[in-house]
N, C-alpha and C. Protein backbone atom coordinates (compact mmCIF):
# COMPACT_ATOMS: atom_id res chain seq x y z
N UNK A 1 -15.33 103.08 -68.36
CA UNK A 1 -16.88 103.10 -68.84
C UNK A 1 -17.72 103.53 -67.80
N UNK A 2 -17.24 104.28 -66.72
CA UNK A 2 -18.17 104.75 -65.93
C UNK A 2 -18.69 103.95 -64.72
N UNK A 3 -19.35 104.53 -63.95
CA UNK A 3 -19.97 104.08 -62.73
C UNK A 3 -21.30 103.99 -63.03
N UNK A 4 -21.89 102.99 -62.06
CA UNK A 4 -23.33 102.44 -62.03
C UNK A 4 -24.40 103.82 -62.42
N UNK A 5 -24.06 104.76 -61.74
CA UNK A 5 -25.14 105.99 -61.94
C UNK A 5 -25.06 106.61 -63.15
N UNK A 6 -23.89 106.07 -64.13
CA UNK A 6 -23.87 106.44 -65.46
C UNK A 6 -24.69 105.89 -66.41
N UNK A 7 -24.91 104.89 -66.08
CA UNK A 7 -25.78 103.89 -67.21
C UNK A 7 -26.88 103.28 -66.74
N UNK A 8 -27.55 103.79 -65.42
CA UNK A 8 -28.58 103.05 -64.66
C UNK A 8 -29.70 103.98 -65.32
N UNK A 9 -31.10 103.27 -65.42
CA UNK A 9 -32.37 104.04 -65.74
C UNK A 9 -32.95 104.68 -64.27
N UNK A 10 -32.77 105.97 -64.09
CA UNK A 10 -32.99 106.54 -62.99
C UNK A 10 -34.66 106.46 -62.66
N UNK A 11 -34.80 106.58 -61.61
CA UNK A 11 -36.40 106.55 -60.76
C UNK A 11 -37.03 105.40 -61.44
N UNK A 12 -36.82 104.17 -61.02
CA UNK A 12 -37.61 103.08 -61.51
C UNK A 12 -38.96 103.03 -60.67
N UNK A 13 -39.92 102.54 -61.29
CA UNK A 13 -41.05 102.21 -60.66
C UNK A 13 -40.96 101.16 -59.52
N UNK A 14 -41.43 101.77 -58.43
CA UNK A 14 -41.59 100.87 -56.93
C UNK A 14 -43.00 100.77 -56.74
N UNK A 15 -43.20 99.32 -56.52
CA UNK A 15 -44.57 98.73 -56.38
C UNK A 15 -44.99 98.95 -54.89
N UNK A 16 -46.09 99.18 -54.28
CA UNK A 16 -46.36 99.12 -53.09
C UNK A 16 -46.98 97.69 -52.56
N UNK A 17 -46.84 97.15 -51.69
CA UNK A 17 -47.24 95.85 -51.51
C UNK A 17 -48.82 95.70 -51.15
N UNK A 18 -49.40 97.19 -50.93
CA UNK A 18 -50.84 97.16 -50.80
C UNK A 18 -51.50 97.27 -52.04
N UNK A 19 -51.07 97.31 -53.28
CA UNK A 19 -51.44 97.41 -54.61
C UNK A 19 -52.16 96.32 -54.82
N UNK A 20 -53.38 96.35 -55.68
CA UNK A 20 -54.06 95.09 -55.96
C UNK A 20 -53.50 94.49 -57.14
N UNK A 21 -53.63 93.16 -57.19
CA UNK A 21 -53.17 92.44 -58.20
C UNK A 21 -53.45 92.91 -59.80
N UNK A 22 -54.81 93.48 -59.79
CA UNK A 22 -55.28 94.07 -61.03
C UNK A 22 -54.57 95.21 -61.29
N UNK A 23 -54.26 96.09 -60.17
CA UNK A 23 -53.72 97.40 -60.45
C UNK A 23 -52.18 97.20 -60.92
N UNK A 24 -51.53 96.16 -60.29
CA UNK A 24 -50.03 95.84 -60.79
C UNK A 24 -50.16 95.31 -62.40
N UNK A 25 -51.06 94.44 -62.83
CA UNK A 25 -51.01 94.14 -64.02
C UNK A 25 -51.19 95.19 -64.93
N UNK A 26 -52.15 96.03 -64.89
CA UNK A 26 -52.50 97.18 -65.69
C UNK A 26 -51.06 98.02 -65.78
N UNK A 27 -50.46 98.04 -64.59
CA UNK A 27 -49.13 98.98 -64.22
C UNK A 27 -48.01 98.52 -65.39
N UNK A 28 -48.06 97.21 -65.20
CA UNK A 28 -47.04 96.44 -66.18
C UNK A 28 -47.50 96.63 -67.42
N UNK A 29 -48.49 96.61 -67.90
CA UNK A 29 -48.73 96.50 -69.31
C UNK A 29 -48.66 97.84 -69.87
N UNK A 30 -49.30 99.09 -68.76
CA UNK A 30 -49.27 100.54 -69.62
C UNK A 30 -47.77 101.14 -69.53
N UNK A 31 -47.13 100.49 -68.71
CA UNK A 31 -45.58 101.15 -68.57
C UNK A 31 -44.66 100.32 -69.29
N UNK A 32 -45.02 99.16 -69.66
CA UNK A 32 -44.20 98.17 -70.39
C UNK A 32 -42.92 97.70 -69.67
N UNK A 33 -43.00 97.28 -68.32
CA UNK A 33 -41.95 96.86 -67.34
C UNK A 33 -41.99 95.72 -67.56
N UNK A 34 -40.94 94.93 -67.14
CA UNK A 34 -40.62 93.65 -67.03
C UNK A 34 -40.62 93.11 -65.63
N UNK A 35 -40.25 94.17 -64.62
CA UNK A 35 -39.89 93.74 -63.11
C UNK A 35 -39.95 95.08 -62.46
N UNK A 36 -39.96 94.84 -61.31
CA UNK A 36 -40.09 96.35 -60.39
C UNK A 36 -40.01 95.82 -59.10
N UNK A 37 -39.22 96.42 -58.20
CA UNK A 37 -39.24 96.36 -56.78
C UNK A 37 -40.36 96.61 -56.22
N UNK A 38 -40.85 95.79 -54.87
CA UNK A 38 -41.74 95.69 -54.08
C UNK A 38 -41.47 96.25 -52.70
N UNK A 39 -42.00 97.37 -52.12
CA UNK A 39 -41.80 97.87 -51.02
C UNK A 39 -43.19 97.60 -49.94
N UNK A 40 -42.43 97.24 -48.70
CA UNK A 40 -43.76 96.92 -48.00
C UNK A 40 -44.43 98.13 -47.42
N UNK A 41 -45.52 97.86 -46.38
CA UNK A 41 -46.01 99.05 -45.57
C UNK A 41 -44.86 99.47 -44.50
N UNK A 42 -43.89 98.61 -44.22
CA UNK A 42 -42.98 99.16 -43.30
C UNK A 42 -41.94 99.71 -44.05
N UNK A 43 -41.71 100.30 -45.07
CA UNK A 43 -40.92 100.74 -45.95
C UNK A 43 -39.45 99.94 -46.32
N UNK A 44 -39.53 98.74 -46.18
CA UNK A 44 -38.76 97.71 -46.44
C UNK A 44 -38.86 97.15 -47.99
N UNK A 45 -38.04 96.70 -48.68
CA UNK A 45 -37.96 96.04 -49.90
C UNK A 45 -38.38 94.58 -49.82
N UNK A 46 -39.22 94.02 -50.12
CA UNK A 46 -39.79 92.68 -49.80
C UNK A 46 -38.91 91.74 -51.11
N UNK A 47 -38.56 92.50 -52.15
CA UNK A 47 -37.99 91.82 -53.51
C UNK A 47 -38.41 92.08 -54.54
N UNK A 48 -38.21 91.56 -55.64
CA UNK A 48 -38.85 92.01 -57.18
C UNK A 48 -39.55 91.12 -57.59
N UNK A 49 -40.58 91.81 -58.24
CA UNK A 49 -41.58 91.25 -58.92
C UNK A 49 -41.53 90.90 -60.33
N UNK A 50 -41.31 90.15 -61.05
CA UNK A 50 -41.14 89.89 -62.41
C UNK A 50 -42.34 89.44 -63.19
N UNK A 51 -42.42 89.64 -64.35
CA UNK A 51 -43.61 89.49 -65.40
C UNK A 51 -44.27 88.02 -65.25
N UNK A 52 -42.91 87.01 -64.83
CA UNK A 52 -43.44 85.73 -64.99
C UNK A 52 -44.04 85.21 -63.33
N UNK A 53 -43.50 85.91 -62.41
CA UNK A 53 -44.02 85.64 -61.03
C UNK A 53 -45.51 86.51 -61.00
N UNK A 54 -45.75 87.44 -61.86
CA UNK A 54 -47.14 88.06 -62.01
C UNK A 54 -47.98 87.27 -62.38
N UNK A 55 -47.66 86.53 -63.67
CA UNK A 55 -48.50 85.40 -64.16
C UNK A 55 -49.05 84.60 -63.05
N UNK A 56 -48.14 84.08 -62.31
CA UNK A 56 -48.25 83.11 -61.10
C UNK A 56 -49.28 83.69 -60.26
N UNK A 57 -49.24 84.89 -59.64
CA UNK A 57 -50.15 85.47 -58.74
C UNK A 57 -51.31 85.83 -59.53
N UNK A 58 -51.35 86.10 -60.51
CA UNK A 58 -52.55 86.45 -61.57
C UNK A 58 -53.57 85.33 -61.61
N UNK A 59 -53.04 84.27 -61.70
CA UNK A 59 -53.80 82.79 -61.84
C UNK A 59 -54.24 82.57 -60.39
N UNK A 60 -53.60 82.74 -59.40
CA UNK A 60 -54.04 82.42 -58.01
C UNK A 60 -55.17 83.57 -57.62
N UNK A 61 -54.89 84.71 -58.14
CA UNK A 61 -55.95 85.62 -57.71
C UNK A 61 -57.34 85.21 -58.58
N UNK A 62 -57.28 84.80 -59.84
CA UNK A 62 -58.55 84.38 -60.75
C UNK A 62 -59.14 83.32 -60.18
N UNK A 63 -58.32 82.25 -59.37
CA UNK A 63 -58.75 81.09 -58.77
C UNK A 63 -59.42 81.65 -57.47
N UNK A 64 -58.77 82.76 -56.63
CA UNK A 64 -59.27 82.65 -55.23
C UNK A 64 -59.20 84.08 -55.06
N UNK A 65 -60.01 85.07 -55.71
CA UNK A 65 -60.05 86.62 -55.76
C UNK A 65 -59.79 87.24 -54.37
N UNK A 66 -60.50 86.77 -53.59
CA UNK A 66 -60.74 87.58 -52.31
C UNK A 66 -59.63 86.95 -51.32
N UNK A 67 -58.70 85.96 -51.53
CA UNK A 67 -57.68 85.28 -50.81
C UNK A 67 -56.55 85.98 -51.25
N UNK A 68 -56.50 86.17 -52.47
CA UNK A 68 -55.12 86.90 -53.28
C UNK A 68 -55.40 88.09 -54.09
N UNK A 69 -56.01 88.93 -53.28
CA UNK A 69 -56.47 90.16 -53.93
C UNK A 69 -55.12 91.37 -54.27
N UNK A 70 -54.15 91.28 -52.97
CA UNK A 70 -53.32 92.27 -53.12
C UNK A 70 -51.83 91.47 -53.31
N UNK A 71 -50.96 92.35 -53.66
CA UNK A 71 -49.70 91.96 -53.68
C UNK A 71 -49.14 91.35 -52.42
N UNK A 72 -49.41 92.18 -51.25
CA UNK A 72 -49.02 91.72 -50.14
C UNK A 72 -49.36 90.05 -49.74
N UNK A 73 -50.43 89.64 -50.30
CA UNK A 73 -50.67 88.25 -50.06
C UNK A 73 -49.62 87.20 -50.75
N UNK A 74 -48.70 87.71 -51.63
CA UNK A 74 -47.79 86.71 -52.11
C UNK A 74 -46.53 87.15 -52.30
N UNK A 75 -46.15 87.80 -51.29
CA UNK A 75 -44.61 88.42 -51.22
C UNK A 75 -43.70 87.44 -51.15
N UNK A 76 -44.08 86.22 -50.96
CA UNK A 76 -43.02 84.81 -50.90
C UNK A 76 -42.88 84.54 -52.37
N UNK A 77 -43.51 85.12 -53.03
CA UNK A 77 -43.44 84.55 -54.63
C UNK A 77 -42.17 85.53 -55.34
N UNK A 78 -41.85 86.39 -54.76
CA UNK A 78 -40.71 87.52 -54.99
C UNK A 78 -39.35 86.95 -55.21
N UNK A 79 -38.85 87.69 -55.99
CA UNK A 79 -37.36 87.08 -56.27
C UNK A 79 -36.30 88.02 -55.24
N UNK A 80 -35.20 87.71 -54.76
CA UNK A 80 -34.62 88.74 -54.21
C UNK A 80 -34.32 89.75 -55.00
N UNK A 81 -33.98 90.95 -54.33
CA UNK A 81 -33.29 92.30 -54.65
C UNK A 81 -31.69 91.93 -54.66
N UNK A 82 -31.10 92.30 -55.84
CA UNK A 82 -29.65 92.73 -55.65
C UNK A 82 -29.34 94.25 -55.88
N UNK A 83 -28.54 94.60 -55.07
CA UNK A 83 -28.33 96.15 -55.15
C UNK A 83 -26.58 96.28 -55.55
N UNK A 84 -26.77 97.25 -55.96
CA UNK A 84 -25.22 98.03 -56.45
C UNK A 84 -25.34 99.32 -55.77
N UNK A 85 -24.27 99.70 -55.63
CA UNK A 85 -24.12 101.53 -55.18
C UNK A 85 -23.80 102.20 -56.53
N UNK A 86 -24.40 103.34 -56.30
CA UNK A 86 -24.12 104.51 -57.44
C UNK A 86 -22.71 104.43 -57.87
N UNK A 87 -21.46 104.14 -57.10
CA UNK A 87 -20.24 104.31 -57.76
C UNK A 87 -19.33 103.08 -57.82
N UNK A 88 -20.62 102.03 -58.20
CA UNK A 88 -19.56 100.73 -58.38
C UNK A 88 -19.30 100.98 -59.68
N UNK A 89 -18.15 100.40 -60.26
CA UNK A 89 -17.70 100.47 -61.40
C UNK A 89 -18.33 99.43 -62.43
N UNK A 90 -18.26 99.79 -63.88
CA UNK A 90 -18.95 98.77 -64.64
C UNK A 90 -18.49 97.50 -64.40
N UNK A 91 -17.09 97.21 -64.20
CA UNK A 91 -16.92 95.58 -64.12
C UNK A 91 -17.70 95.00 -62.77
N UNK A 92 -17.74 95.54 -61.77
CA UNK A 92 -18.48 95.23 -60.77
C UNK A 92 -19.93 94.97 -61.01
N UNK A 93 -20.67 95.82 -61.72
CA UNK A 93 -21.98 95.73 -62.25
C UNK A 93 -22.22 94.70 -63.11
N UNK A 94 -21.21 94.73 -64.18
CA UNK A 94 -21.36 93.50 -65.07
C UNK A 94 -21.42 91.99 -64.38
N UNK A 95 -20.54 91.75 -63.49
CA UNK A 95 -20.34 90.67 -62.45
C UNK A 95 -21.46 90.31 -61.77
N UNK A 96 -22.14 91.63 -61.12
CA UNK A 96 -23.41 91.13 -60.34
C UNK A 96 -24.74 90.88 -61.12
N UNK A 97 -24.75 91.64 -62.19
CA UNK A 97 -25.96 91.13 -63.18
C UNK A 97 -25.99 90.13 -63.65
N UNK A 98 -24.89 89.18 -64.02
CA UNK A 98 -24.66 87.99 -64.53
C UNK A 98 -24.95 87.09 -63.46
N UNK A 99 -24.77 87.36 -62.07
CA UNK A 99 -25.40 86.55 -61.13
C UNK A 99 -26.39 86.63 -60.46
N UNK A 100 -27.30 87.86 -60.63
CA UNK A 100 -28.27 88.01 -60.20
C UNK A 100 -29.58 87.33 -60.94
N UNK A 101 -30.34 86.78 -59.82
CA UNK A 101 -31.51 85.56 -60.36
C UNK A 101 -32.34 86.10 -61.59
N UNK A 102 -32.74 87.34 -61.68
CA UNK A 102 -33.49 87.90 -62.67
C UNK A 102 -32.84 88.99 -63.49
N UNK A 103 -31.46 88.96 -63.45
CA UNK A 103 -30.42 89.79 -64.23
C UNK A 103 -31.24 91.34 -64.14
N UNK A 104 -31.46 91.74 -63.08
CA UNK A 104 -31.81 93.13 -62.89
C UNK A 104 -30.89 93.50 -61.47
N UNK A 105 -30.60 94.72 -61.70
CA UNK A 105 -29.83 95.37 -60.44
C UNK A 105 -30.64 96.56 -60.02
N UNK A 106 -30.66 96.79 -58.68
CA UNK A 106 -31.24 98.40 -58.27
C UNK A 106 -30.19 98.89 -57.61
N UNK A 107 -30.16 100.30 -57.97
CA UNK A 107 -29.28 101.20 -57.74
C UNK A 107 -29.59 101.80 -56.49
N UNK A 108 -28.66 101.74 -55.31
CA UNK A 108 -29.37 102.54 -54.21
C UNK A 108 -28.51 103.74 -53.72
N UNK A 109 -28.92 104.62 -53.05
CA UNK A 109 -28.38 105.71 -52.53
C UNK A 109 -27.76 105.34 -51.10
N UNK A 110 -27.01 106.27 -50.41
CA UNK A 110 -26.63 105.96 -49.20
C UNK A 110 -27.51 105.51 -48.32
N UNK A 111 -28.87 106.18 -48.31
CA UNK A 111 -29.83 105.82 -47.31
C UNK A 111 -30.54 104.66 -47.77
N UNK A 112 -30.35 104.07 -48.63
CA UNK A 112 -30.90 102.53 -48.99
C UNK A 112 -32.07 102.96 -49.96
N UNK A 113 -32.32 104.15 -50.52
CA UNK A 113 -33.65 104.08 -51.43
C UNK A 113 -33.11 103.99 -52.64
N UNK A 114 -33.85 103.23 -53.51
CA UNK A 114 -33.43 102.85 -54.73
C UNK A 114 -33.59 104.06 -55.62
N UNK A 115 -32.46 104.34 -56.35
CA UNK A 115 -32.73 105.64 -57.41
C UNK A 115 -32.55 105.09 -58.73
N UNK A 116 -32.13 103.97 -58.90
CA UNK A 116 -32.39 103.55 -60.38
C UNK A 116 -32.19 102.16 -60.39
N UNK A 117 -32.29 101.58 -61.53
CA UNK A 117 -32.35 100.16 -62.09
C UNK A 117 -31.60 99.65 -63.14
N UNK A 118 -30.89 98.90 -63.23
CA UNK A 118 -29.78 98.52 -64.33
C UNK A 118 -30.33 97.19 -64.73
N UNK A 119 -30.59 97.03 -66.16
CA UNK A 119 -31.08 95.78 -66.82
C UNK A 119 -30.16 95.36 -67.67
N UNK A 120 -30.02 94.25 -68.32
CA UNK A 120 -29.15 93.96 -69.74
C UNK A 120 -29.11 94.92 -70.65
N UNK A 121 -30.55 95.47 -71.06
CA UNK A 121 -30.53 96.45 -72.14
C UNK A 121 -29.60 97.61 -71.71
N UNK A 122 -29.44 98.19 -70.52
CA UNK A 122 -28.70 99.18 -70.17
C UNK A 122 -27.22 99.03 -70.54
N UNK A 123 -26.86 97.58 -70.10
CA UNK A 123 -25.40 97.30 -70.35
C UNK A 123 -24.88 97.11 -71.81
N UNK A 124 -26.05 96.62 -72.67
CA UNK A 124 -25.80 96.34 -74.01
C UNK A 124 -25.66 97.96 -74.52
N UNK A 125 -26.42 99.04 -74.11
CA UNK A 125 -26.47 100.30 -74.81
C UNK A 125 -25.04 100.96 -74.31
N UNK A 126 -24.48 100.67 -73.10
CA UNK A 126 -23.18 100.97 -72.81
C UNK A 126 -22.09 100.32 -73.78
N UNK A 127 -22.21 98.98 -73.97
CA UNK A 127 -21.31 98.35 -74.55
C UNK A 127 -21.29 98.77 -76.13
N UNK A 128 -22.44 99.11 -76.73
CA UNK A 128 -22.45 99.31 -78.19
C UNK A 128 -22.21 100.88 -78.39
N UNK A 129 -22.26 101.84 -77.48
CA UNK A 129 -22.11 103.15 -77.78
C UNK A 129 -20.70 103.60 -77.01
N UNK A 130 -20.10 102.89 -76.48
CA UNK A 130 -18.76 103.07 -75.69
C UNK A 130 -17.82 103.51 -76.63
N UNK A 131 -17.05 104.49 -76.82
CA UNK A 131 -15.78 104.84 -77.53
C UNK A 131 -14.52 104.42 -77.07
N UNK A 132 -14.28 103.78 -76.02
CA UNK A 132 -13.18 103.52 -75.72
C UNK A 132 -12.30 102.51 -76.32
N UNK A 133 -11.17 102.45 -76.22
CA UNK A 133 -10.29 101.89 -77.34
C UNK A 133 -10.47 100.32 -76.75
N UNK A 134 -10.07 99.34 -77.63
CA UNK A 134 -10.52 97.97 -77.22
C UNK A 134 -9.95 97.62 -76.33
N UNK A 135 -8.49 97.79 -75.97
CA UNK A 135 -7.75 97.56 -74.89
C UNK A 135 -8.24 97.67 -73.51
N UNK A 136 -8.89 99.00 -73.47
CA UNK A 136 -9.54 99.38 -72.14
C UNK A 136 -10.67 98.44 -72.07
N UNK A 137 -11.63 98.00 -72.90
CA UNK A 137 -12.76 97.26 -72.85
C UNK A 137 -12.44 95.78 -72.28
N UNK A 138 -11.02 95.53 -72.88
CA UNK A 138 -10.71 93.91 -72.57
C UNK A 138 -10.32 94.25 -71.23
N UNK A 139 -9.54 94.98 -70.56
CA UNK A 139 -9.13 95.06 -69.48
C UNK A 139 -10.46 94.99 -68.37
N UNK A 140 -11.53 96.04 -68.61
CA UNK A 140 -12.73 95.67 -67.84
C UNK A 140 -13.21 94.34 -67.77
N UNK A 141 -13.36 93.75 -68.92
CA UNK A 141 -13.78 92.36 -69.22
C UNK A 141 -12.99 91.30 -68.33
N UNK A 142 -11.87 91.81 -68.57
CA UNK A 142 -10.78 90.70 -67.54
C UNK A 142 -11.12 90.58 -66.00
N UNK A 143 -11.65 91.83 -65.78
CA UNK A 143 -11.62 91.83 -64.23
C UNK A 143 -12.83 90.79 -63.74
N UNK A 144 -13.63 90.45 -64.60
CA UNK A 144 -14.84 89.44 -64.23
C UNK A 144 -14.22 88.23 -63.88
N UNK A 145 -12.94 87.80 -64.35
CA UNK A 145 -12.68 86.53 -64.28
C UNK A 145 -12.23 86.30 -62.72
């Protein structure tokens, strides 16, 4: 069924913690994304921003616009990032996504740069279009146990 690099969505949007809440809301709407990793000014990944977390942050922003102007002001709201490697097999990716808090996996290169994202939709696409024999699919799924 391939490796993570074979079915990831490449080049995901990565948010900078210096972005304003308004910019992030507009980006989520225009790009129709449900989540994105957030990188700090130091180049480290702080966590994953989901739509629901963005709603919480936007409410705070509307209540106190000067205090909660930038994404960096609420990094504590972010969910942890879950990483897989480009070469991880399908069974390992499936197991990881089922355990991930927001059911998103970020694919990293050797230098820890995020080069892709895997969502449940990506896995559905693989499972629905895979032309492997049923025995091979069963074998992959049994690895989850």
